[in-house]
Amino acid sequence: MEALKQRILKEGRNLGNGILKVDSFINHQVDARLMDECGKELARRFQGVKATKVLTAEISGIAPALTTAMHLGIPVVYARKHKPITMPDQVYLTLTPSHTKGRTVELIVSPEYLAGGERVLIIDDFLATGATILGLVRLAEAAGAQIVGVGALIEKTFEGGRQALEYLNVPIESLARIRSMHNNTIVFEE
């Protein structure tokens, strides 16, 4: 998606170690119009999978997941990183490494909002190693839900996440695919 690529080139910062800072329009400050365009495009690409829920991880995945769900006309559920007192005692929980946090984080979903028989579309901000998305897959599978697709705003193809997810045998879509990030440059896949 050209608008997203141009924004990455204009405002994205390569911090080294495979970390791309996009805080000015996705991760801290959110460009609502751009997220709406991205959500519309992801919804178009996944229209045929007949998802009943969009699943993501807090916090950076919420904006693209919300706009995608809005354009599909379905609810979005996000995995929390801390269990609030309002959540039931019995939850779906998994641990996953966080590259940007430099530690393992919990992902928690209440069984009230993710159940067997759901057709789940996973949407996140990044597809890198696939670790976070695999954590979301584990949560959906624990709930008895079926994964029907995986979408990301930005994919860092050099980190192998797509290959880690291929066993799911579902459509995997990314709006901007980055081939390399060397010497402060960002090179997109053709």
Protein backbone atom coordinates (compact mmCIF):
# COMPACT_ATOMS: atom_id res chain seq x y z
CA MET A 1 0.00 0.00 0.00
CA GLU A 2 1.70 3.07 -1.30
CA ALA A 3 0.47 5.60 1.30
CA LEU A 4 1.82 3.44 4.13
CA LYS A 5 5.16 2.90 2.37
CA GLN A 6 5.59 6.63 1.79
CA ARG A 7 4.84 7.36 5.44
CA ILE A 8 7.38 4.75 6.54
CA LEU A 9 10.02 6.32 4.30
CA LYS A 10 9.17 9.84 5.48
CA GLU A 11 8.78 9.26 9.24
CA GLY A 12 9.97 5.74 10.04
CA ARG A 13 13.29 5.43 11.84
CA ASN A 14 15.59 2.44 11.57
CA LEU A 15 16.92 2.07 15.13
CA GLY A 16 19.13 -0.91 14.30
CA ASN A 17 18.71 -4.54 15.39
CA GLY A 18 15.69 -4.82 13.10
CA ILE A 19 13.67 -2.23 15.03
CA LEU A 20 11.62 0.21 12.95
CA LYS A 21 10.22 3.14 14.91
CA VAL A 22 6.84 4.23 13.55
CA ASP A 23 5.62 5.94 16.72
CA SER A 24 4.54 9.12 14.96
CA PHE A 25 1.73 7.43 13.01
CA ILE A 26 1.10 3.87 14.33
CA ASN A 27 2.56 3.00 17.72
CA HIS A 28 2.21 6.06 19.97
CA GLN A 29 0.52 8.75 17.96
CA VAL A 30 -1.98 7.25 15.52
CA ASP A 31 -2.88 8.74 12.15
CA ALA A 32 -6.57 7.81 12.14
CA ARG A 33 -7.06 8.47 8.42
CA LEU A 34 -4.10 6.31 7.46
CA MET A 35 -5.29 3.54 9.80
CA ASP A 36 -8.75 3.76 8.23
CA GLU A 37 -7.22 3.37 4.75
CA CYS A 38 -5.14 0.41 5.98
CA GLY A 39 -8.16 -1.20 7.65
CA LYS A 40 -10.21 -0.78 4.49
CA GLU A 41 -7.48 -2.45 2.41
CA LEU A 42 -7.01 -5.32 4.88
CA ALA A 43 -10.79 -5.84 5.01
CA ARG A 44 -10.86 -5.95 1.20
CA ARG A 45 -8.09 -8.55 1.12
CA PHE A 46 -9.77 -10.74 3.78
CA GLN A 47 -13.41 -10.30 2.72
CA GLY A 48 -13.64 -13.88 1.50
CA VAL A 49 -12.41 -15.62 4.69
CA LYS A 50 -15.72 -14.96 6.48
CA ALA A 51 -14.12 -14.01 9.79
CA THR A 52 -16.41 -13.56 12.80
CA LYS A 53 -13.80 -11.83 15.01
CA VAL A 54 -10.57 -9.91 14.60
CA LEU A 55 -7.91 -10.72 17.21
CA THR A 56 -4.86 -8.59 18.01
CA ALA A 57 -2.42 -7.78 20.81
CA GLU A 58 -2.47 -4.59 22.84
CA ILE A 59 -1.53 -1.89 22.22
CA SER A 60 -0.01 -1.29 18.80
CA GLY A 61 -2.25 -3.79 17.03
CA ILE A 62 -5.48 -2.18 18.20
CA ALA A 63 -5.67 0.65 15.62
CA PRO A 64 -5.28 -1.52 12.49
CA ALA A 65 -7.40 -4.31 14.00
CA LEU A 66 -10.18 -1.89 14.92
CA THR A 67 -10.36 -0.29 11.48
CA THR A 68 -10.20 -3.68 9.75
CA ALA A 69 -13.00 -5.01 11.97
CA MET A 70 -15.04 -1.87 11.35
CA HIS A 71 -14.83 -2.36 7.57
CA LEU A 72 -15.69 -6.06 7.94
CA GLY A 73 -18.57 -5.31 10.32
CA ILE A 74 -17.32 -7.65 13.06
CA PRO A 75 -16.00 -7.24 16.64
CA VAL A 76 -12.35 -6.90 17.54
CA VAL A 77 -10.82 -8.59 20.60
CA TYR A 78 -7.41 -7.66 21.87
CA ALA A 79 -5.16 -9.79 24.01
CA ARG A 80 -4.26 -7.86 27.15
CA LYS A 81 -0.77 -7.79 28.63
CA HIS A 82 -2.04 -7.41 32.20
CA LYS A 83 -5.08 -9.10 33.72
CA PRO A 84 -7.58 -6.54 35.07
CA ILE A 85 -9.72 -7.35 38.09
CA THR A 86 -12.78 -7.29 35.82
CA MET A 87 -11.56 -10.36 33.93
CA PRO A 88 -12.70 -13.80 35.15
CA ASP A 89 -10.23 -16.06 37.00
CA GLN A 90 -10.18 -18.60 34.16
CA VAL A 91 -8.54 -17.02 31.09
CA TYR A 92 -6.59 -17.98 28.01
CA LEU A 93 -2.96 -17.00 28.62
CA THR A 94 0.27 -17.44 26.72
CA LEU A 95 3.78 -16.05 26.93
CA THR A 96 5.59 -14.54 23.97
CA PRO A 97 8.91 -12.75 23.50
CA SER A 98 8.75 -9.03 22.71
CA HIS A 99 11.61 -7.75 20.56
CA THR A 100 10.92 -4.08 21.31
CA LYS A 101 10.43 -4.63 25.05
CA GLY A 102 13.40 -6.98 25.33
CA ARG A 103 11.50 -9.45 27.53
CA THR A 104 8.71 -12.01 27.56
CA VAL A 105 5.17 -10.64 27.83
CA GLU A 106 1.85 -12.24 28.72
CA LEU A 107 -1.05 -12.23 26.29
CA ILE A 108 -4.41 -12.78 27.99
CA VAL A 109 -7.92 -13.14 26.54
CA SER A 110 -11.15 -13.67 28.44
CA PRO A 111 -13.21 -16.69 27.35
CA GLU A 112 -16.19 -14.32 27.38
CA TYR A 113 -14.98 -12.82 24.10
CA LEU A 114 -13.26 -15.67 22.28
CA ALA A 115 -15.04 -18.98 21.95
CA GLY A 116 -15.10 -22.24 20.05
CA GLY A 117 -16.50 -21.99 16.56
CA GLU A 118 -15.25 -18.43 16.00
CA ARG A 119 -13.51 -17.72 12.69
CA VAL A 120 -10.59 -15.52 13.74
CA LEU A 121 -8.65 -13.07 11.60
CA ILE A 122 -5.43 -11.98 13.31
CA ILE A 123 -4.35 -8.40 12.57
CA ASP A 124 -1.23 -6.76 14.00
CA ASP A 125 1.01 -3.80 13.33
CA PHE A 126 4.11 -5.88 12.50
CA LEU A 127 4.91 -9.32 11.18
CA ALA A 128 8.59 -9.87 12.02
CA THR A 129 9.61 -13.18 13.62
CA GLY A 130 5.96 -14.15 14.02
CA ALA A 131 6.31 -14.62 17.79
CA THR A 132 3.43 -12.33 18.80
CA ILE A 133 1.15 -13.66 16.09
CA LEU A 134 1.99 -17.24 17.10
CA GLY A 135 1.00 -16.28 20.65
CA LEU A 136 -2.35 -15.04 19.33
CA VAL A 137 -2.73 -18.29 17.38
CA ARG A 138 -2.20 -20.27 20.61
CA LEU A 139 -4.89 -18.21 22.37
CA ALA A 140 -7.39 -18.73 19.55
CA GLU A 141 -6.65 -22.45 19.42
CA ALA A 142 -7.04 -22.75 23.20
CA ALA A 143 -10.49 -21.20 22.79
CA GLY A 144 -11.37 -23.72 20.06
CA ALA A 145 -11.47 -21.00 17.40
CA GLN A 146 -10.30 -21.39 13.82
CA ILE A 147 -7.65 -19.06 12.36
CA VAL A 148 -8.80 -17.92 8.91
CA GLY A 149 -6.15 -15.30 8.06
CA VAL A 150 -3.25 -13.20 9.28
CA GLY A 151 -2.69 -9.56 8.34
CA ALA A 152 -0.10 -6.96 9.23
CA LEU A 153 0.58 -3.38 8.37
CA ILE A 154 4.33 -3.90 8.05
CA GLU A 155 6.23 -7.12 7.42
CA LYS A 156 9.98 -7.40 7.89
CA THR A 157 10.51 -10.30 5.49
CA PHE A 158 14.14 -10.77 6.58
CA GLU A 159 13.00 -11.96 10.04
CA GLY A 160 11.16 -15.07 8.78
CA GLY A 161 7.75 -14.61 10.39
CA ARG A 162 5.81 -15.56 7.29
CA GLN A 163 7.63 -18.89 7.11
CA ALA A 164 6.88 -19.51 10.80
CA LEU A 165 3.16 -19.06 10.06
CA GLU A 166 2.88 -21.04 6.82
CA TYR A 167 1.82 -24.19 8.68
CA LEU A 168 -1.51 -22.45 9.38
CA ASN A 169 -2.34 -22.74 5.69
CA VAL A 170 -4.31 -19.46 5.69
CA PRO A 171 -3.92 -16.23 3.72
CA ILE A 172 -1.14 -13.98 5.07
CA GLU A 173 -1.25 -10.36 3.91
CA SER A 174 1.02 -7.39 4.64
CA LEU A 175 0.50 -3.85 3.37
CA ALA A 176 4.20 -2.91 3.33
CA ARG A 177 6.88 -5.61 3.02
CA ILE A 178 10.40 -4.56 4.01
CA ARG A 179 13.23 -6.62 2.53
CA SER A 180 16.12 -5.00 4.41
CA MET A 181 17.02 -2.33 6.93
CA HIS A 182 20.77 -1.75 6.63
CA ASN A 183 22.82 1.44 7.04
CA ASN A 184 19.76 3.54 7.98
CA THR A 185 17.93 2.58 4.80
CA ILE A 186 14.59 0.86 4.37
CA VAL A 187 14.20 -1.28 1.23
CA PHE A 188 10.75 -2.60 0.30
CA GLU A 189 9.96 -5.83 -1.53
CA GLU A 190 8.81 -5.26 -5.11
